[in-house]
Amino acid sequence: MKIISILLFFLINISNGVFAQDMFKSTDEIGVKPYKPTKELKEKASKISGKVIRTEVGEFGSFEDKDFYQLSNGHISLYQNDEYAHVRVIFDKNHNWIETHQLYHSDVLPEEEYYQIMPKIKNVLKSKGYIVTEWYYIKITNEKGFWYEVKASKKKDTKVFILDKDFKLVGTKKIAK
């Protein structure tokens, strides 16, 4: 009976670890070709991103058909990448929402979230010997929750660090060259 209990304990802990790591996967690839969105996809993207569908030239906080891209893995993104778009939304080929990337950076007001979060992120990475090299972080949300990704360096070693909502380091990603 003891052996079965111990075995169950280990199986539960191993499966929880696998599930937890699964949550922190994100799609950061750049679009390979333009994608013509349906009306329904544009409405869904508008609702998720908080941006309106552009109806006139230069409309602030909006997007248009040319802002959708097909990724090499078959997914569809609103905006080509998350380096310049403040909100990037990823859908699968059936238009189901996969995740949202939100870019936060230092040119915001001092009372905004950036100034409460960045010191915590910098402290975690500093304890590992890394210095934050970019002036922004990305908050990624999916149906399971959210996490943060930020670039940091130690000498010539630069990585993307993944921190959970409690600012615990959960992983790293190599930077694609």
N, C-alpha and C. Protein backbone atom coordinates (compact mmCIF):
# COMPACT_ATOMS: atom_id res chain seq x y z
N MET A 1 0.82 -1.20 0.00
CA MET A 1 0.00 0.00 0.00
C MET A 1 0.86 1.26 0.00
N LYS A 2 1.98 1.22 0.79
CA LYS A 2 2.89 2.37 0.83
C LYS A 2 3.49 2.63 -0.54
N ILE A 3 3.87 1.58 -1.24
CA ILE A 3 4.50 1.73 -2.55
C ILE A 3 3.51 2.36 -3.53
N ILE A 4 2.27 1.95 -3.50
CA ILE A 4 1.26 2.51 -4.38
C ILE A 4 1.05 4.00 -4.07
N SER A 5 0.99 4.34 -2.80
CA SER A 5 0.83 5.74 -2.41
C SER A 5 2.00 6.60 -2.89
N ILE A 6 3.19 6.10 -2.71
CA ILE A 6 4.38 6.84 -3.15
C ILE A 6 4.39 6.97 -4.67
N LEU A 7 4.04 5.90 -5.36
CA LEU A 7 4.00 5.94 -6.82
C LEU A 7 2.97 6.95 -7.30
N LEU A 8 1.79 6.94 -6.71
CA LEU A 8 0.76 7.93 -7.07
C LEU A 8 1.23 9.36 -6.81
N PHE A 9 1.88 9.56 -5.68
CA PHE A 9 2.40 10.88 -5.34
C PHE A 9 3.36 11.39 -6.43
N PHE A 10 4.29 10.53 -6.86
CA PHE A 10 5.24 10.93 -7.89
C PHE A 10 4.57 11.16 -9.24
N LEU A 11 3.63 10.33 -9.61
CA LEU A 11 2.93 10.50 -10.87
C LEU A 11 2.15 11.82 -10.91
N ILE A 12 1.49 12.15 -9.82
CA ILE A 12 0.74 13.41 -9.76
C ILE A 12 1.68 14.60 -9.87
N ASN A 13 2.80 14.57 -9.17
CA ASN A 13 3.76 15.67 -9.23
C ASN A 13 4.41 15.80 -10.60
N ILE A 14 4.71 14.70 -11.24
CA ILE A 14 5.30 14.75 -12.57
C ILE A 14 4.29 15.31 -13.57
N SER A 15 3.05 14.87 -13.52
CA SER A 15 2.05 15.36 -14.48
C SER A 15 1.76 16.84 -14.25
N ASN A 16 1.76 17.30 -12.99
CA ASN A 16 1.56 18.73 -12.72
C ASN A 16 2.70 19.56 -13.29
N GLY A 17 3.92 19.08 -13.21
CA GLY A 17 5.07 19.79 -13.77
C GLY A 17 4.98 19.91 -15.27
N VAL A 18 4.57 18.85 -15.92
CA VAL A 18 4.41 18.87 -17.37
C VAL A 18 3.32 19.86 -17.76
N PHE A 19 2.21 19.86 -17.07
CA PHE A 19 1.11 20.79 -17.35
C PHE A 19 1.56 22.23 -17.16
N ALA A 20 2.30 22.48 -16.08
CA ALA A 20 2.74 23.84 -15.78
C ALA A 20 3.66 24.35 -16.88
N GLN A 21 4.59 23.53 -17.33
CA GLN A 21 5.49 23.96 -18.39
C GLN A 21 4.75 24.21 -19.69
N ASP A 22 3.71 23.44 -19.95
CA ASP A 22 2.91 23.61 -21.14
C ASP A 22 2.29 25.00 -21.20
N MET A 23 1.92 25.53 -20.07
CA MET A 23 1.27 26.84 -20.01
C MET A 23 2.19 27.94 -20.54
N PHE A 24 3.49 27.82 -20.35
CA PHE A 24 4.40 28.91 -20.64
C PHE A 24 4.96 28.88 -22.07
N LYS A 25 4.34 28.14 -22.95
CA LYS A 25 4.75 28.14 -24.35
C LYS A 25 4.01 29.26 -25.06
N SER A 26 4.72 29.99 -25.91
CA SER A 26 4.07 31.05 -26.66
C SER A 26 4.54 31.03 -28.11
N THR A 27 3.79 31.68 -28.95
CA THR A 27 4.09 31.77 -30.37
C THR A 27 4.73 33.13 -30.62
N ASP A 28 6.02 33.13 -30.87
CA ASP A 28 6.69 34.41 -31.11
C ASP A 28 7.24 34.55 -32.52
N GLU A 29 6.87 33.62 -33.40
CA GLU A 29 7.41 33.71 -34.76
C GLU A 29 6.76 34.85 -35.54
N ILE A 30 7.46 35.28 -36.58
CA ILE A 30 7.01 36.39 -37.41
C ILE A 30 6.17 35.83 -38.56
N GLY A 31 5.16 36.58 -38.97
CA GLY A 31 4.29 36.16 -40.06
C GLY A 31 5.06 35.94 -41.35
N VAL A 32 4.67 34.92 -42.10
CA VAL A 32 5.36 34.62 -43.36
C VAL A 32 4.62 35.15 -44.58
N LYS A 33 3.32 35.39 -44.44
CA LYS A 33 2.57 35.97 -45.56
C LYS A 33 1.31 36.64 -45.03
N PRO A 34 0.78 37.60 -45.79
CA PRO A 34 -0.46 38.27 -45.38
C PRO A 34 -1.62 37.28 -45.32
N TYR A 35 -2.61 37.57 -44.48
CA TYR A 35 -3.77 36.71 -44.33
C TYR A 35 -5.02 37.58 -44.47
N LYS A 36 -5.97 37.13 -45.26
CA LYS A 36 -7.23 37.86 -45.46
C LYS A 36 -8.23 37.39 -44.41
N PRO A 37 -8.52 38.22 -43.39
CA PRO A 37 -9.41 37.80 -42.31
C PRO A 37 -10.88 37.86 -42.71
N THR A 38 -11.67 37.01 -42.10
CA THR A 38 -13.11 37.07 -42.29
C THR A 38 -13.67 38.17 -41.38
N LYS A 39 -14.89 38.52 -41.60
CA LYS A 39 -15.54 39.53 -40.76
C LYS A 39 -15.61 39.04 -39.31
N GLU A 40 -15.92 37.75 -39.14
CA GLU A 40 -16.02 37.17 -37.80
C GLU A 40 -14.67 37.20 -37.07
N LEU A 41 -13.59 36.90 -37.79
CA LEU A 41 -12.27 36.93 -37.18
C LEU A 41 -11.91 38.36 -36.77
N LYS A 42 -12.21 39.33 -37.62
CA LYS A 42 -11.92 40.73 -37.27
C LYS A 42 -12.70 41.16 -36.03
N GLU A 43 -13.96 40.74 -35.94
CA GLU A 43 -14.76 41.09 -34.76
C GLU A 43 -14.20 40.44 -33.50
N LYS A 44 -13.78 39.18 -33.61
CA LYS A 44 -13.19 38.47 -32.47
C LYS A 44 -11.88 39.14 -32.06
N ALA A 45 -11.05 39.50 -33.04
CA ALA A 45 -9.77 40.16 -32.77
C ALA A 45 -10.00 41.52 -32.12
N SER A 46 -11.02 42.22 -32.54
CA SER A 46 -11.34 43.52 -31.95
C SER A 46 -11.74 43.38 -30.49
N LYS A 47 -12.56 42.40 -30.20
CA LYS A 47 -13.02 42.17 -28.83
C LYS A 47 -11.86 41.78 -27.91
N ILE A 48 -10.98 40.89 -28.38
CA ILE A 48 -9.87 40.41 -27.56
C ILE A 48 -8.80 41.48 -27.38
N SER A 49 -8.47 42.20 -28.45
CA SER A 49 -7.37 43.16 -28.40
C SER A 49 -7.77 44.51 -27.82
N GLY A 50 -9.06 44.81 -27.84
CA GLY A 50 -9.50 46.12 -27.38
C GLY A 50 -9.31 47.19 -28.44
N LYS A 51 -8.94 46.79 -29.64
CA LYS A 51 -8.76 47.74 -30.74
C LYS A 51 -9.98 47.66 -31.66
N VAL A 52 -10.26 48.75 -32.34
CA VAL A 52 -11.41 48.78 -33.24
C VAL A 52 -10.96 48.48 -34.67
N ILE A 53 -11.88 48.01 -35.47
CA ILE A 53 -11.61 47.75 -36.87
C ILE A 53 -11.57 49.11 -37.58
N ARG A 54 -10.49 49.39 -38.28
CA ARG A 54 -10.29 50.70 -38.90
C ARG A 54 -11.35 50.96 -39.96
N THR A 55 -11.99 52.10 -39.84
CA THR A 55 -12.99 52.52 -40.84
C THR A 55 -12.55 53.78 -41.57
N GLU A 56 -11.54 54.47 -41.02
CA GLU A 56 -11.01 55.65 -41.70
C GLU A 56 -9.50 55.69 -41.51
N VAL A 57 -8.83 56.39 -42.40
CA VAL A 57 -7.37 56.45 -42.39
C VAL A 57 -6.89 57.15 -41.12
N GLY A 58 -5.86 56.56 -40.49
CA GLY A 58 -5.24 57.17 -39.32
C GLY A 58 -6.04 57.05 -38.04
N GLU A 59 -7.02 56.19 -38.00
CA GLU A 59 -7.84 56.03 -36.79
C GLU A 59 -6.98 55.43 -35.68
N PHE A 60 -6.93 56.08 -34.53
CA PHE A 60 -6.08 55.66 -33.42
C PHE A 60 -6.66 54.42 -32.75
N GLY A 61 -5.77 53.48 -32.36
CA GLY A 61 -6.21 52.28 -31.65
C GLY A 61 -7.02 51.34 -32.52
N SER A 62 -6.59 51.20 -33.79
CA SER A 62 -7.37 50.39 -34.71
C SER A 62 -6.46 49.46 -35.52
N PHE A 63 -7.08 48.56 -36.25
CA PHE A 63 -6.35 47.67 -37.15
C PHE A 63 -7.16 47.50 -38.42
N GLU A 64 -6.52 46.94 -39.44
CA GLU A 64 -7.19 46.69 -40.72
C GLU A 64 -6.73 45.35 -41.28
N ASP A 65 -7.29 44.96 -42.42
CA ASP A 65 -7.00 43.65 -43.01
C ASP A 65 -5.50 43.38 -43.17
N LYS A 66 -4.73 44.41 -43.55
CA LYS A 66 -3.30 44.20 -43.81
C LYS A 66 -2.50 43.90 -42.53
N ASP A 67 -3.12 43.98 -41.37
CA ASP A 67 -2.43 43.70 -40.10
C ASP A 67 -2.49 42.23 -39.69
N PHE A 68 -3.12 41.38 -40.51
CA PHE A 68 -3.22 39.94 -40.22
C PHE A 68 -2.16 39.19 -41.03
N TYR A 69 -1.56 38.19 -40.38
CA TYR A 69 -0.51 37.40 -41.03
C TYR A 69 -0.69 35.92 -40.75
N GLN A 70 -0.31 35.11 -41.73
CA GLN A 70 -0.26 33.65 -41.57
C GLN A 70 1.13 33.31 -41.05
N LEU A 71 1.22 32.51 -40.01
CA LEU A 71 2.51 32.08 -39.49
C LEU A 71 2.89 30.75 -40.13
N SER A 72 4.15 30.38 -40.07
CA SER A 72 4.59 29.15 -40.73
C SER A 72 3.97 27.90 -40.10
N ASN A 73 3.52 27.99 -38.83
CA ASN A 73 2.89 26.84 -38.19
C ASN A 73 1.39 26.77 -38.46
N GLY A 74 0.86 27.66 -39.31
CA GLY A 74 -0.55 27.63 -39.66
C GLY A 74 -1.41 28.58 -38.84
N HIS A 75 -0.87 29.10 -37.75
CA HIS A 75 -1.62 30.05 -36.93
C HIS A 75 -1.74 31.40 -37.63
N ILE A 76 -2.63 32.22 -37.11
CA ILE A 76 -2.89 33.54 -37.67
C ILE A 76 -2.60 34.56 -36.58
N SER A 77 -1.90 35.63 -36.95
CA SER A 77 -1.62 36.66 -35.96
C SER A 77 -2.18 38.00 -36.41
N LEU A 78 -2.70 38.73 -35.45
CA LEU A 78 -3.04 40.13 -35.68
C LEU A 78 -1.77 40.87 -35.31
N TYR A 79 -1.11 41.43 -36.29
CA TYR A 79 0.19 42.09 -36.24
C TYR A 79 1.29 41.05 -36.40
N GLN A 80 2.31 41.45 -37.12
CA GLN A 80 3.35 40.52 -37.54
C GLN A 80 4.17 39.96 -36.39
N ASN A 81 4.56 40.82 -35.46
CA ASN A 81 5.36 40.33 -34.33
C ASN A 81 5.06 41.16 -33.10
N ASP A 82 5.63 40.75 -31.97
CA ASP A 82 5.34 41.46 -30.72
C ASP A 82 6.42 42.46 -30.33
N GLU A 83 7.32 42.76 -31.27
CA GLU A 83 8.37 43.73 -30.95
C GLU A 83 7.87 45.16 -31.02
N TYR A 84 6.89 45.43 -31.88
CA TYR A 84 6.39 46.80 -32.03
C TYR A 84 4.90 46.94 -31.75
N ALA A 85 4.15 45.87 -31.91
CA ALA A 85 2.70 45.95 -31.67
C ALA A 85 2.44 45.89 -30.17
N HIS A 86 1.66 46.80 -29.66
CA HIS A 86 1.37 46.80 -28.22
C HIS A 86 0.49 45.63 -27.82
N VAL A 87 -0.40 45.20 -28.71
CA VAL A 87 -1.22 44.02 -28.45
C VAL A 87 -1.18 43.15 -29.70
N ARG A 88 -0.74 41.91 -29.54
CA ARG A 88 -0.71 40.95 -30.64
C ARG A 88 -1.57 39.77 -30.23
N VAL A 89 -2.48 39.36 -31.11
CA VAL A 89 -3.39 38.26 -30.80
C VAL A 89 -3.11 37.12 -31.77
N ILE A 90 -3.02 35.89 -31.25
CA ILE A 90 -2.75 34.70 -32.06
C ILE A 90 -3.99 33.80 -32.06
N PHE A 91 -4.36 33.33 -33.25
CA PHE A 91 -5.48 32.41 -33.43
C PHE A 91 -4.97 31.16 -34.13
N ASP A 92 -5.66 30.03 -33.93
CA ASP A 92 -5.32 28.85 -34.72
C ASP A 92 -5.98 28.97 -36.09
N LYS A 93 -5.77 27.97 -36.94
CA LYS A 93 -6.30 28.06 -38.30
C LYS A 93 -7.83 28.03 -38.34
N ASN A 94 -8.46 27.59 -37.24
CA ASN A 94 -9.93 27.60 -37.17
C ASN A 94 -10.48 28.84 -36.47
N HIS A 95 -9.59 29.83 -36.28
CA HIS A 95 -9.94 31.12 -35.67
C HIS A 95 -10.26 31.03 -34.18
N ASN A 96 -9.75 29.99 -33.52
CA ASN A 96 -9.87 29.90 -32.07
C ASN A 96 -8.73 30.68 -31.43
N TRP A 97 -9.02 31.46 -30.40
CA TRP A 97 -8.01 32.26 -29.72
C TRP A 97 -7.01 31.35 -29.01
N ILE A 98 -5.72 31.63 -29.20
CA ILE A 98 -4.66 30.87 -28.54
C ILE A 98 -4.03 31.70 -27.43
N GLU A 99 -3.61 32.93 -27.76
CA GLU A 99 -2.96 33.76 -26.76
C GLU A 99 -2.92 35.22 -27.19
N THR A 100 -2.64 36.08 -26.23
CA THR A 100 -2.48 37.51 -26.47
C THR A 100 -1.15 37.95 -25.89
N HIS A 101 -0.42 38.74 -26.66
CA HIS A 101 0.84 39.34 -26.20
C HIS A 101 0.57 40.81 -25.96
N GLN A 102 0.96 41.32 -24.80
CA GLN A 102 0.84 42.75 -24.53
C GLN A 102 2.22 43.28 -24.21
N LEU A 103 2.63 44.28 -24.96
CA LEU A 103 3.94 44.89 -24.78
C LEU A 103 3.83 46.08 -23.84
N TYR A 104 4.65 46.08 -22.80
CA TYR A 104 4.68 47.19 -21.84
C TYR A 104 6.09 47.75 -21.83
N HIS A 105 6.22 49.07 -21.83
CA HIS A 105 7.55 49.67 -21.84
C HIS A 105 7.60 50.96 -21.05
N SER A 106 8.81 51.49 -20.94
CA SER A 106 9.09 52.58 -20.00
C SER A 106 8.53 53.95 -20.40
N ASP A 107 7.98 54.10 -21.57
CA ASP A 107 7.44 55.41 -21.92
C ASP A 107 5.96 55.54 -21.53
N VAL A 108 5.62 54.97 -20.39
CA VAL A 108 4.27 55.10 -19.85
C VAL A 108 4.33 55.96 -18.59
N LEU A 109 3.21 56.34 -18.09
CA LEU A 109 3.16 57.18 -16.89
C LEU A 109 3.69 56.43 -15.67
N PRO A 110 4.30 57.15 -14.73
CA PRO A 110 4.89 56.49 -13.54
C PRO A 110 3.91 55.66 -12.71
N GLU A 111 2.62 55.96 -12.75
CA GLU A 111 1.66 55.19 -11.96
C GLU A 111 1.18 53.92 -12.67
N GLU A 112 1.65 53.68 -13.88
CA GLU A 112 1.20 52.49 -14.61
C GLU A 112 1.96 51.24 -14.18
N GLU A 113 1.43 50.10 -14.59
CA GLU A 113 1.90 48.78 -14.18
C GLU A 113 3.40 48.56 -14.39
N TYR A 114 3.95 49.11 -15.45
CA TYR A 114 5.37 48.92 -15.78
C TYR A 114 6.25 49.23 -14.58
N TYR A 115 6.00 50.33 -13.92
CA TYR A 115 6.87 50.79 -12.84
C TYR A 115 6.71 49.98 -11.55
N GLN A 116 5.62 49.22 -11.42
CA GLN A 116 5.49 48.33 -10.26
C GLN A 116 6.10 46.96 -10.54
N ILE A 117 6.08 46.55 -11.81
CA ILE A 117 6.52 45.21 -12.17
C ILE A 117 8.00 45.13 -12.50
N MET A 118 8.53 46.09 -13.25
CA MET A 118 9.92 46.00 -13.69
C MET A 118 10.93 45.89 -12.55
N PRO A 119 10.79 46.61 -11.43
CA PRO A 119 11.76 46.40 -10.35
C PRO A 119 11.76 44.96 -9.83
N LYS A 120 10.60 44.33 -9.76
CA LYS A 120 10.51 42.95 -9.30
C LYS A 120 11.19 42.00 -10.29
N ILE A 121 10.93 42.22 -11.57
CA ILE A 121 11.54 41.39 -12.62
C ILE A 121 13.06 41.57 -12.60
N LYS A 122 13.51 42.82 -12.53
CA LYS A 122 14.95 43.10 -12.53
C LYS A 122 15.63 42.44 -11.33
N ASN A 123 15.00 42.44 -10.16
CA ASN A 123 15.59 41.81 -8.97
C ASN A 123 15.75 40.31 -9.14
N VAL A 124 14.74 39.66 -9.71
CA VAL A 124 14.81 38.21 -9.93
C VAL A 124 15.97 37.88 -10.87
N LEU A 125 16.07 38.64 -11.96
CA LEU A 125 17.12 38.37 -12.95
C LEU A 125 18.50 38.76 -12.43
N LYS A 126 18.57 39.81 -11.63
CA LYS A 126 19.84 40.23 -11.04
C LYS A 126 20.37 39.14 -10.10
N SER A 127 19.46 38.47 -9.38
CA SER A 127 19.89 37.40 -8.48
C SER A 127 20.49 36.22 -9.26
N LYS A 128 20.18 36.12 -10.55
CA LYS A 128 20.75 35.07 -11.41
C LYS A 128 21.98 35.57 -12.17
N GLY A 129 22.35 36.85 -11.93
CA GLY A 129 23.52 37.42 -12.59
C GLY A 129 23.24 38.08 -13.92
N TYR A 130 21.98 38.27 -14.26
CA TYR A 130 21.60 38.87 -15.54
C TYR A 130 21.08 40.29 -15.35
N ILE A 131 21.25 41.10 -16.37
CA ILE A 131 20.77 42.48 -16.37
C ILE A 131 19.74 42.62 -17.49
N VAL A 132 18.61 43.26 -17.19
CA VAL A 132 17.57 43.47 -18.20
C VAL A 132 18.14 44.38 -19.29
N THR A 133 18.08 43.92 -20.54
CA THR A 133 18.70 44.65 -21.65
C THR A 133 17.70 45.41 -22.51
N GLU A 134 16.44 45.09 -22.40
CA GLU A 134 15.42 45.77 -23.19
C GLU A 134 14.60 46.66 -22.26
N TRP A 135 14.00 47.68 -22.80
CA TRP A 135 13.22 48.61 -22.00
C TRP A 135 11.75 48.20 -21.94
N TYR A 136 11.46 46.95 -22.24
CA TYR A 136 10.07 46.50 -22.19
C TYR A 136 9.98 45.04 -21.74
N TYR A 137 8.78 44.66 -21.36
CA TYR A 137 8.49 43.25 -21.11
C TYR A 137 7.19 42.92 -21.84
N ILE A 138 6.96 41.64 -22.06
CA ILE A 138 5.74 41.19 -22.72
C ILE A 138 4.95 40.34 -21.74
N LYS A 139 3.68 40.67 -21.60
CA LYS A 139 2.77 39.87 -20.77
C LYS A 139 1.99 39.00 -21.74
N ILE A 140 2.05 37.69 -21.53
CA ILE A 140 1.37 36.76 -22.42
C ILE A 140 0.23 36.09 -21.66
N THR A 141 -0.95 36.13 -22.27
CA THR A 141 -2.15 35.57 -21.65
C THR A 141 -2.71 34.47 -22.55
N ASN A 142 -3.07 33.35 -21.94
CA ASN A 142 -3.81 32.32 -22.66
C ASN A 142 -4.95 31.85 -21.75
N GLU A 143 -5.65 30.81 -22.14
CA GLU A 143 -6.81 30.39 -21.35
C GLU A 143 -6.44 29.87 -19.97
N LYS A 144 -5.17 29.52 -19.75
CA LYS A 144 -4.75 28.98 -18.46
C LYS A 144 -4.25 30.06 -17.50
N GLY A 145 -3.92 31.23 -17.99
CA GLY A 145 -3.41 32.29 -17.12
C GLY A 145 -2.50 33.24 -17.87
N PHE A 146 -1.53 33.83 -17.16
CA PHE A 146 -0.60 34.76 -17.80
C PHE A 146 0.78 34.65 -17.19
N TRP A 147 1.77 35.15 -17.93
CA TRP A 147 3.15 35.19 -17.48
C TRP A 147 3.86 36.34 -18.19
N TYR A 148 5.10 36.58 -17.78
CA TYR A 148 5.89 37.66 -18.34
C TYR A 148 7.12 37.11 -19.03
N GLU A 149 7.55 37.78 -20.11
CA GLU A 149 8.79 37.44 -20.79
C GLU A 149 9.60 38.72 -20.96
N VAL A 150 10.89 38.64 -20.67
CA VAL A 150 11.77 39.80 -20.77
C VAL A 150 13.17 39.34 -21.17
N LYS A 151 13.87 40.16 -21.96
CA LYS A 151 15.24 39.85 -22.36
C LYS A 151 16.21 40.35 -21.30
N ALA A 152 17.23 39.53 -21.03
CA ALA A 152 18.28 39.92 -20.10
C ALA A 152 19.60 39.30 -20.55
N SER A 153 20.70 39.93 -20.13
CA SER A 153 22.02 39.48 -20.57
C SER A 153 22.99 39.34 -19.41
N LYS A 154 23.95 38.45 -19.63
CA LYS A 154 25.12 38.30 -18.76
C LYS A 154 26.30 38.18 -19.71
N LYS A 155 27.11 39.21 -19.79
CA LYS A 155 28.21 39.31 -20.76
C LYS A 155 27.62 39.15 -22.16
N LYS A 156 28.01 38.13 -22.91
CA LYS A 156 27.49 37.96 -24.29
C LYS A 156 26.31 36.99 -24.36
N ASP A 157 25.87 36.50 -23.22
CA ASP A 157 24.76 35.54 -23.15
C ASP A 157 23.44 36.28 -22.93
N THR A 158 22.61 36.36 -23.97
CA THR A 158 21.30 37.02 -23.86
C THR A 158 20.21 35.97 -24.05
N LYS A 159 19.23 36.00 -23.15
CA LYS A 159 18.11 35.05 -23.19
C LYS A 159 16.81 35.78 -22.93
N VAL A 160 15.72 35.12 -23.27
CA VAL A 160 14.40 35.57 -22.87
C VAL A 160 14.04 34.79 -21.62
N PHE A 161 13.75 35.50 -20.54
CA PHE A 161 13.40 34.86 -19.28
C PHE A 161 11.89 34.86 -19.12
N ILE A 162 11.35 33.74 -18.64
CA ILE A 162 9.92 33.57 -18.45
C ILE A 162 9.63 33.54 -16.96
N LEU A 163 8.78 34.46 -16.51
CA LEU A 163 8.43 34.55 -15.09
C LEU A 163 6.92 34.38 -14.95
N ASP A 164 6.49 33.63 -13.94
CA ASP A 164 5.06 33.46 -13.73
C ASP A 164 4.46 34.71 -13.11
N LYS A 165 3.17 34.67 -12.84
CA LYS A 165 2.48 35.86 -12.32
C LYS A 165 2.98 36.29 -10.95
N ASP A 166 3.67 35.39 -10.25
CA ASP A 166 4.25 35.72 -8.94
C ASP A 166 5.73 36.08 -9.06
N PHE A 167 6.21 36.29 -10.28
CA PHE A 167 7.59 36.67 -10.59
C PHE A 167 8.60 35.59 -10.24
N LYS A 168 8.18 34.34 -10.29
CA LYS A 168 9.10 33.22 -10.10
C LYS A 168 9.59 32.81 -11.49
N LEU A 169 10.89 32.59 -11.59
CA LEU A 169 11.48 32.19 -12.85
C LEU A 169 11.05 30.77 -13.19
N VAL A 170 10.39 30.58 -14.34
CA VAL A 170 9.91 29.25 -14.72
C VAL A 170 10.61 28.69 -15.96
N GLY A 171 11.42 29.52 -16.61
CA GLY A 171 12.11 29.01 -17.80
C GLY A 171 12.82 30.10 -18.57
N THR A 172 13.55 29.67 -19.60
CA THR A 172 14.22 30.59 -20.50
C THR A 172 14.02 30.12 -21.92
N LYS A 173 14.21 31.05 -22.85
CA LYS A 173 14.16 30.71 -24.28
C LYS A 173 15.38 31.32 -24.93
N LYS A 174 15.94 30.60 -25.87
CA LYS A 174 17.05 31.15 -26.65
C LYS A 174 16.47 32.17 -27.62
N ILE A 175 17.24 33.15 -27.93
CA ILE A 175 16.82 34.17 -28.88
C ILE A 175 17.16 33.69 -30.28
N ALA A 176 16.16 33.67 -31.16
CA ALA A 176 16.37 33.23 -32.53
C ALA A 176 17.23 34.25 -33.26
N LYS A 177 18.18 33.76 -34.01
CA LYS A 177 19.08 34.67 -34.75
C LYS A 177 18.78 34.66 -36.20
